[in-house]
C-alpha atoms as a PDB file:
ATOM      1  CA  MET A   1       9.434 -17.260  -1.325  1.00  0.00           C
ATOM      2  CA  ILE A   2       6.435 -13.928  -1.460  1.00  0.00           C
ATOM      3  CA  ARG A   3       8.662 -13.131   1.747  1.00  0.00           C
ATOM      4  CA  ASP A   4      11.595 -12.549   0.187  1.00  0.00           C
ATOM      5  CA  PHE A   5       9.587 -10.421  -3.045  1.00  0.00           C
ATOM      6  CA  PHE A   6       8.596  -8.036   0.280  1.00  0.00           C
ATOM      7  CA  LEU A   7      12.075  -7.812   1.711  1.00  0.00           C
ATOM      8  CA  GLY A   8      13.111  -6.318  -1.659  1.00  0.00           C
ATOM      9  CA  PHE A   9      10.662  -3.807  -1.487  1.00  0.00           C
ATOM     10  CA  ILE A  10      11.051  -3.116   1.621  1.00  0.00           C
ATOM     11  CA  ARG A  11      14.970  -2.373   1.427  1.00  0.00           C
ATOM     12  CA  ILE A  12      13.895   0.137  -1.314  1.00  0.00           C
ATOM     13  CA  HIS A  13      11.204   1.764   1.059  1.00  0.00           C
ATOM     14  CA  VAL A  14      14.436   2.241   4.031  1.00  0.00           C
ATOM     15  CA  LEU A  15      16.030   3.741   0.953  1.00  0.00           C
ATOM     16  CA  HIS A  16      13.339   6.345   0.352  1.00  0.00           C
ATOM     17  CA  HIS A  17      12.701   7.610   3.788  1.00  0.00           C
ATOM     18  CA  ALA A  18      16.507   7.842   4.712  1.00  0.00           C
ATOM     19  CA  ALA A  19      16.734   9.687   1.395  1.00  0.00           C
ATOM     20  CA  GLU A  20      14.508  12.342   3.281  1.00  0.00           C
ATOM     21  CA  HIS A  21      15.451  12.284   6.236  1.00  0.00           C
ATOM     22  CA  PRO A  22      17.244  10.447   9.109  1.00  0.00           C
ATOM     23  CA  VAL A  23      15.246   7.361  10.498  1.00  0.00           C
ATOM     24  CA  TYR A  24      15.518   4.281  13.072  1.00  0.00           C
ATOM     25  CA  GLY A  25      13.994   1.005  13.614  1.00  0.00           C
ATOM     26  CA  LEU A  26      11.223   1.602  15.236  1.00  0.00           C
ATOM     27  CA  SER A  27       9.419   4.395  13.592  1.00  0.00           C
ATOM     28  CA  LEU A  28      10.199   2.277  10.112  1.00  0.00           C
ATOM     29  CA  ILE A  29       9.020  -0.410  11.759  1.00  0.00           C
ATOM     30  CA  GLU A  30       5.784   1.938  12.392  1.00  0.00           C
ATOM     31  CA  GLU A  31       5.776   3.478   9.060  1.00  0.00           C
ATOM     32  CA  LEU A  32       5.462  -0.215   7.853  1.00  0.00           C
ATOM     33  CA  ARG A  33       2.625  -0.768   9.593  1.00  0.00           C
ATOM     34  CA  ARG A  34       0.579   1.820   7.958  1.00  0.00           C
ATOM     35  CA  HIS A  35       1.569   0.242   5.097  1.00  0.00           C
ATOM     36  CA  GLY A  36       0.277  -3.263   6.138  1.00  0.00           C
ATOM     37  CA  TYR A  37       4.631  -4.668   6.774  1.00  0.00           C
ATOM     38  CA  ALA A  38       3.950  -6.530   9.674  1.00  0.00           C
ATOM     39  CA  LEU A  39       8.098  -6.273  10.575  1.00  0.00           C
ATOM     40  CA  SER A  40       9.876  -7.521  13.612  1.00  0.00           C
ATOM     41  CA  PRO A  41      12.931  -5.834  14.804  1.00  0.00           C
ATOM     42  CA  GLY A  42      14.723  -9.421  14.162  1.00  0.00           C
ATOM     43  CA  THR A  43      13.570  -9.036  10.078  1.00  0.00           C
ATOM     44  CA  LEU A  44      14.144  -4.910  10.275  1.00  0.00           C
ATOM     45  CA  TYR A  45      17.514  -4.539  11.787  1.00  0.00           C
ATOM     46  CA  PRO A  46      19.570  -6.924   9.690  1.00  0.00           C
ATOM     47  CA  ILE A  47      18.546  -5.290   6.652  1.00  0.00           C
ATOM     48  CA  LEU A  48      19.058  -2.223   8.341  1.00  0.00           C
ATOM     49  CA  HIS A  49      22.888  -3.039   9.306  1.00  0.00           C
ATOM     50  CA  GLY A  50      23.235  -4.721   5.867  1.00  0.00           C
ATOM     51  CA  LEU A  51      22.052  -1.670   4.230  1.00  0.00           C
ATOM     52  CA  ALA A  52      24.567   0.031   6.306  1.00  0.00           C
ATOM     53  CA  GLU A  53      27.244  -2.581   5.701  1.00  0.00           C
ATOM     54  CA  ALA A  54      26.609  -2.054   2.118  1.00  0.00           C
ATOM     55  CA  GLY A  55      27.697   1.528   2.073  1.00  0.00           C
ATOM     56  CA  TYR A  56      23.827   2.523   1.473  1.00  0.00           C
ATOM     57  CA  LEU A  57      23.183   3.876   4.745  1.00  0.00           C
ATOM     58  CA  ARG A  58      24.654   5.560   7.253  1.00  0.00           C
ATOM     59  CA  LEU A  59      24.535   5.419  11.011  1.00  0.00           C
ATOM     60  CA  GLU A  60      24.395   7.847  13.166  1.00  0.00           C
ATOM     61  CA  LYS A  61      24.302   6.969  16.975  1.00  0.00           C
ATOM     62  CA  ARG A  62      22.585  10.175  19.090  1.00  0.00           C
ATOM     63  CA  VAL A  63      21.364  10.242  23.101  1.00  0.00           C
ATOM     64  CA  VAL A  64      17.286  10.448  23.274  1.00  0.00           C
ATOM     65  CA  GLY A  65      16.412  10.016  26.534  1.00  0.00           C
ATOM     66  CA  GLY A  66      19.406   8.754  27.808  1.00  0.00           C
ATOM     67  CA  ARG A  67      19.696   5.990  25.337  1.00  0.00           C
ATOM     68  CA  VAL A  68      21.441   5.535  22.534  1.00  0.00           C
ATOM     69  CA  ARG A  69      19.515   5.543  19.383  1.00  0.00           C
ATOM     70  CA  LYS A  70      20.723   4.325  15.429  1.00  0.00           C
ATOM     71  CA  TYR A  71      20.032   7.159  13.318  1.00  0.00           C
ATOM     72  CA  TYR A  72      20.312   6.350   9.739  1.00  0.00           C
ATOM     73  CA  THR A  73      20.669   8.248   6.495  1.00  0.00           C
ATOM     74  CA  SER A  74      21.024   7.441   2.857  1.00  0.00           C
ATOM     75  CA  THR A  75      24.159   7.689   1.549  1.00  0.00           C
ATOM     76  CA  ALA A  76      25.095   8.879  -2.237  1.00  0.00           C
ATOM     77  CA  ARG A  77      25.378   5.008  -3.488  1.00  0.00           C
ATOM     78  CA  GLY A  78      22.142   4.994  -1.940  1.00  0.00           C
ATOM     79  CA  ARG A  79      20.278   7.953  -3.602  1.00  0.00           C
ATOM     80  CA  ARG A  80      21.932   6.230  -6.890  1.00  0.00           C
ATOM     81  CA  ALA A  81      20.557   2.760  -6.321  1.00  0.00           C
ATOM     82  CA  LEU A  82      17.062   4.346  -4.983  1.00  0.00           C
ATOM     83  CA  ALA A  83      17.437   6.341  -8.340  1.00  0.00           C
ATOM     84  CA  ALA A  84      17.850   2.869 -10.520  1.00  0.00           C
ATOM     85  CA  ALA A  85      15.132   1.330  -9.008  1.00  0.00           C
ATOM     86  CA  ARG A  86      12.593   3.389  -8.583  1.00  0.00           C
ATOM     87  CA  THR A  87      13.391   3.223 -12.646  1.00  0.00           C
ATOM     88  CA  GLN A  88      13.486  -0.632 -12.323  1.00  0.00           C
ATOM     89  CA  ILE A  89      10.004  -0.303 -10.135  1.00  0.00           C
ATOM     90  CA  THR A  90       7.998   1.804 -12.371  1.00  0.00           C
ATOM     91  CA  GLU A  91       8.770  -0.716 -16.001  1.00  0.00           C
ATOM     92  CA  LEU A  92       7.881  -3.656 -13.722  1.00  0.00           C
ATOM     93  CA  VAL A  93       4.875  -2.060 -12.429  1.00  0.00           C
ATOM     94  CA  ARG A  94       3.552  -1.241 -16.118  1.00  0.00           C
ATOM     95  CA  GLU A  95       4.463  -4.636 -17.667  1.00  0.00           C
ATOM     96  CA  VAL A  96       2.830  -6.509 -14.937  1.00  0.00           C
ATOM     97  CA  LEU A  97       0.178  -4.483 -14.639  1.00  0.00           C
ATOM     98  CA  GLY A  98      -0.768  -3.141 -18.499  1.00  0.00           C
ATOM     99  CA  PRO A  99      -1.163  -0.110 -20.071  1.00  0.00           C
ATOM    100  CA  PRO A 100      -3.745   1.971 -17.874  1.00  0.00           C
ATOM    101  CA  PRO A 101      -7.118   2.157 -18.564  1.00  0.00           C
ATOM    102  CA  GLN A 102      -8.973   4.041 -21.434  1.00  0.00           C
ATOM    103  CA  PRO A 103     -10.923   7.066 -20.650  1.00  0.00           C
ATOM    104  CA  SER A 104     -14.028   5.715 -21.349  1.00  0.00           C
ATOM    105  CA  SER A 105     -16.059   6.826 -24.064  1.00  0.00           C
ATOM    106  CA  PRO A 106     -18.957   9.369 -23.631  1.00  0.00           C
ATOM    107  CA  PRO A 107     -22.535   8.581 -22.543  1.00  0.00           C
ATOM    108  CA  LEU A 108     -24.818   7.783 -25.860  1.00  0.00           C
ATOM    109  CA  PRO A 109     -27.652  10.904 -25.832  1.00  0.00           C
ATOM    110  CA  SER A 110     -30.823  10.115 -24.583  1.00  0.00           C
ATOM    111  CA  ARG A 111     -34.034   8.860 -26.775  1.00  0.00           C
ATOM    112  CA  PRO A 112     -35.862  11.622 -27.431  1.00  0.00           C
ATOM    113  CA  ALA A 113     -38.892   8.945 -26.996  1.00  0.00           C
ATOM    114  CA  SER A 114     -39.513   6.838 -24.919  1.00  0.00           C
ATOM    115  CA  ARG A 115     -42.141   3.471 -26.402  1.00  0.00           C
ATOM    116  CA  GLY A 116     -44.807   2.828 -24.329  1.00  0.00           C
ATOM    117  CA  VAL A 117     -46.645  -0.241 -22.769  1.00  0.00           C
ATOM    118  CA  ARG A 118     -47.378  -1.900 -26.097  1.00  0.00           C
ATOM    119  CA  GLY A 119     -44.492  -0.015 -28.279  1.00  0.00           C
ATOM    120  CA  ARG A 120     -45.806   3.054 -29.671  1.00  0.00           C
ATOM    121  CA  ARG A 121     -43.886   5.759 -29.943  1.00  0.00           C
ATOM    122  CA  TYR A 122     -44.588   9.012 -27.049  1.00  0.00           C
ATOM    123  CA  ARG A 123     -42.667  12.055 -26.951  1.00  0.00           C
ATOM    124  CA  ARG A 124     -42.015  13.856 -23.550  1.00  0.00           C
ATOM    125  CA  GLY A 125     -45.107  15.097 -22.234  1.00  0.00           C
ATOM    126  CA  ALA A 126     -47.789  13.706 -24.734  1.00  0.00           C
ATOM    127  CA  THR A 127     -49.731  11.499 -23.322  1.00  0.00           C
ATOM    128  CA  ARG A 128     -52.387   8.589 -24.103  1.00  0.00           C
ATOM    129  CA  ARG A 129     -55.156   8.511 -25.830  1.00  0.00           C
END
C-alpha cells in the first residue's frame, strides 16, 4: 500500500525533471536514489512508458555511445499536470503537517541578583559576609 503512494510521488518527480531538461531512465534511477528511492528499471520504465502513452512525456531516441537511449521531455500536458500536482501537494502537506511553527518567544531577562546557598540575595560581584 505504501509503495503505491510513493509511486505517485515518483511520477511527479519524473515530470518535474522532464520539465527541466530531457531525462533518460538510468539518470532518473540515480537521481531518485539520491532521494532515498531504490527503484529498479522494471519499476521505472513502465512509469515512463505510461506517462508517455498518456501524453505527459514526449519520447525521443538518440544514439549515445553506439546505443539507442530513450530521452523523455515534458509535454504541455505534462507541465500543466505538474503545476496542478504542485498546488495539490502544497495544500496536502499543509493539512497533514499542520501550520508552520510559530517563532519562539524571546528569552526571559536574566535576574539582576542571584541567590546564595541559604537564599540570601547577592548583587553580582558582591561578596558574602
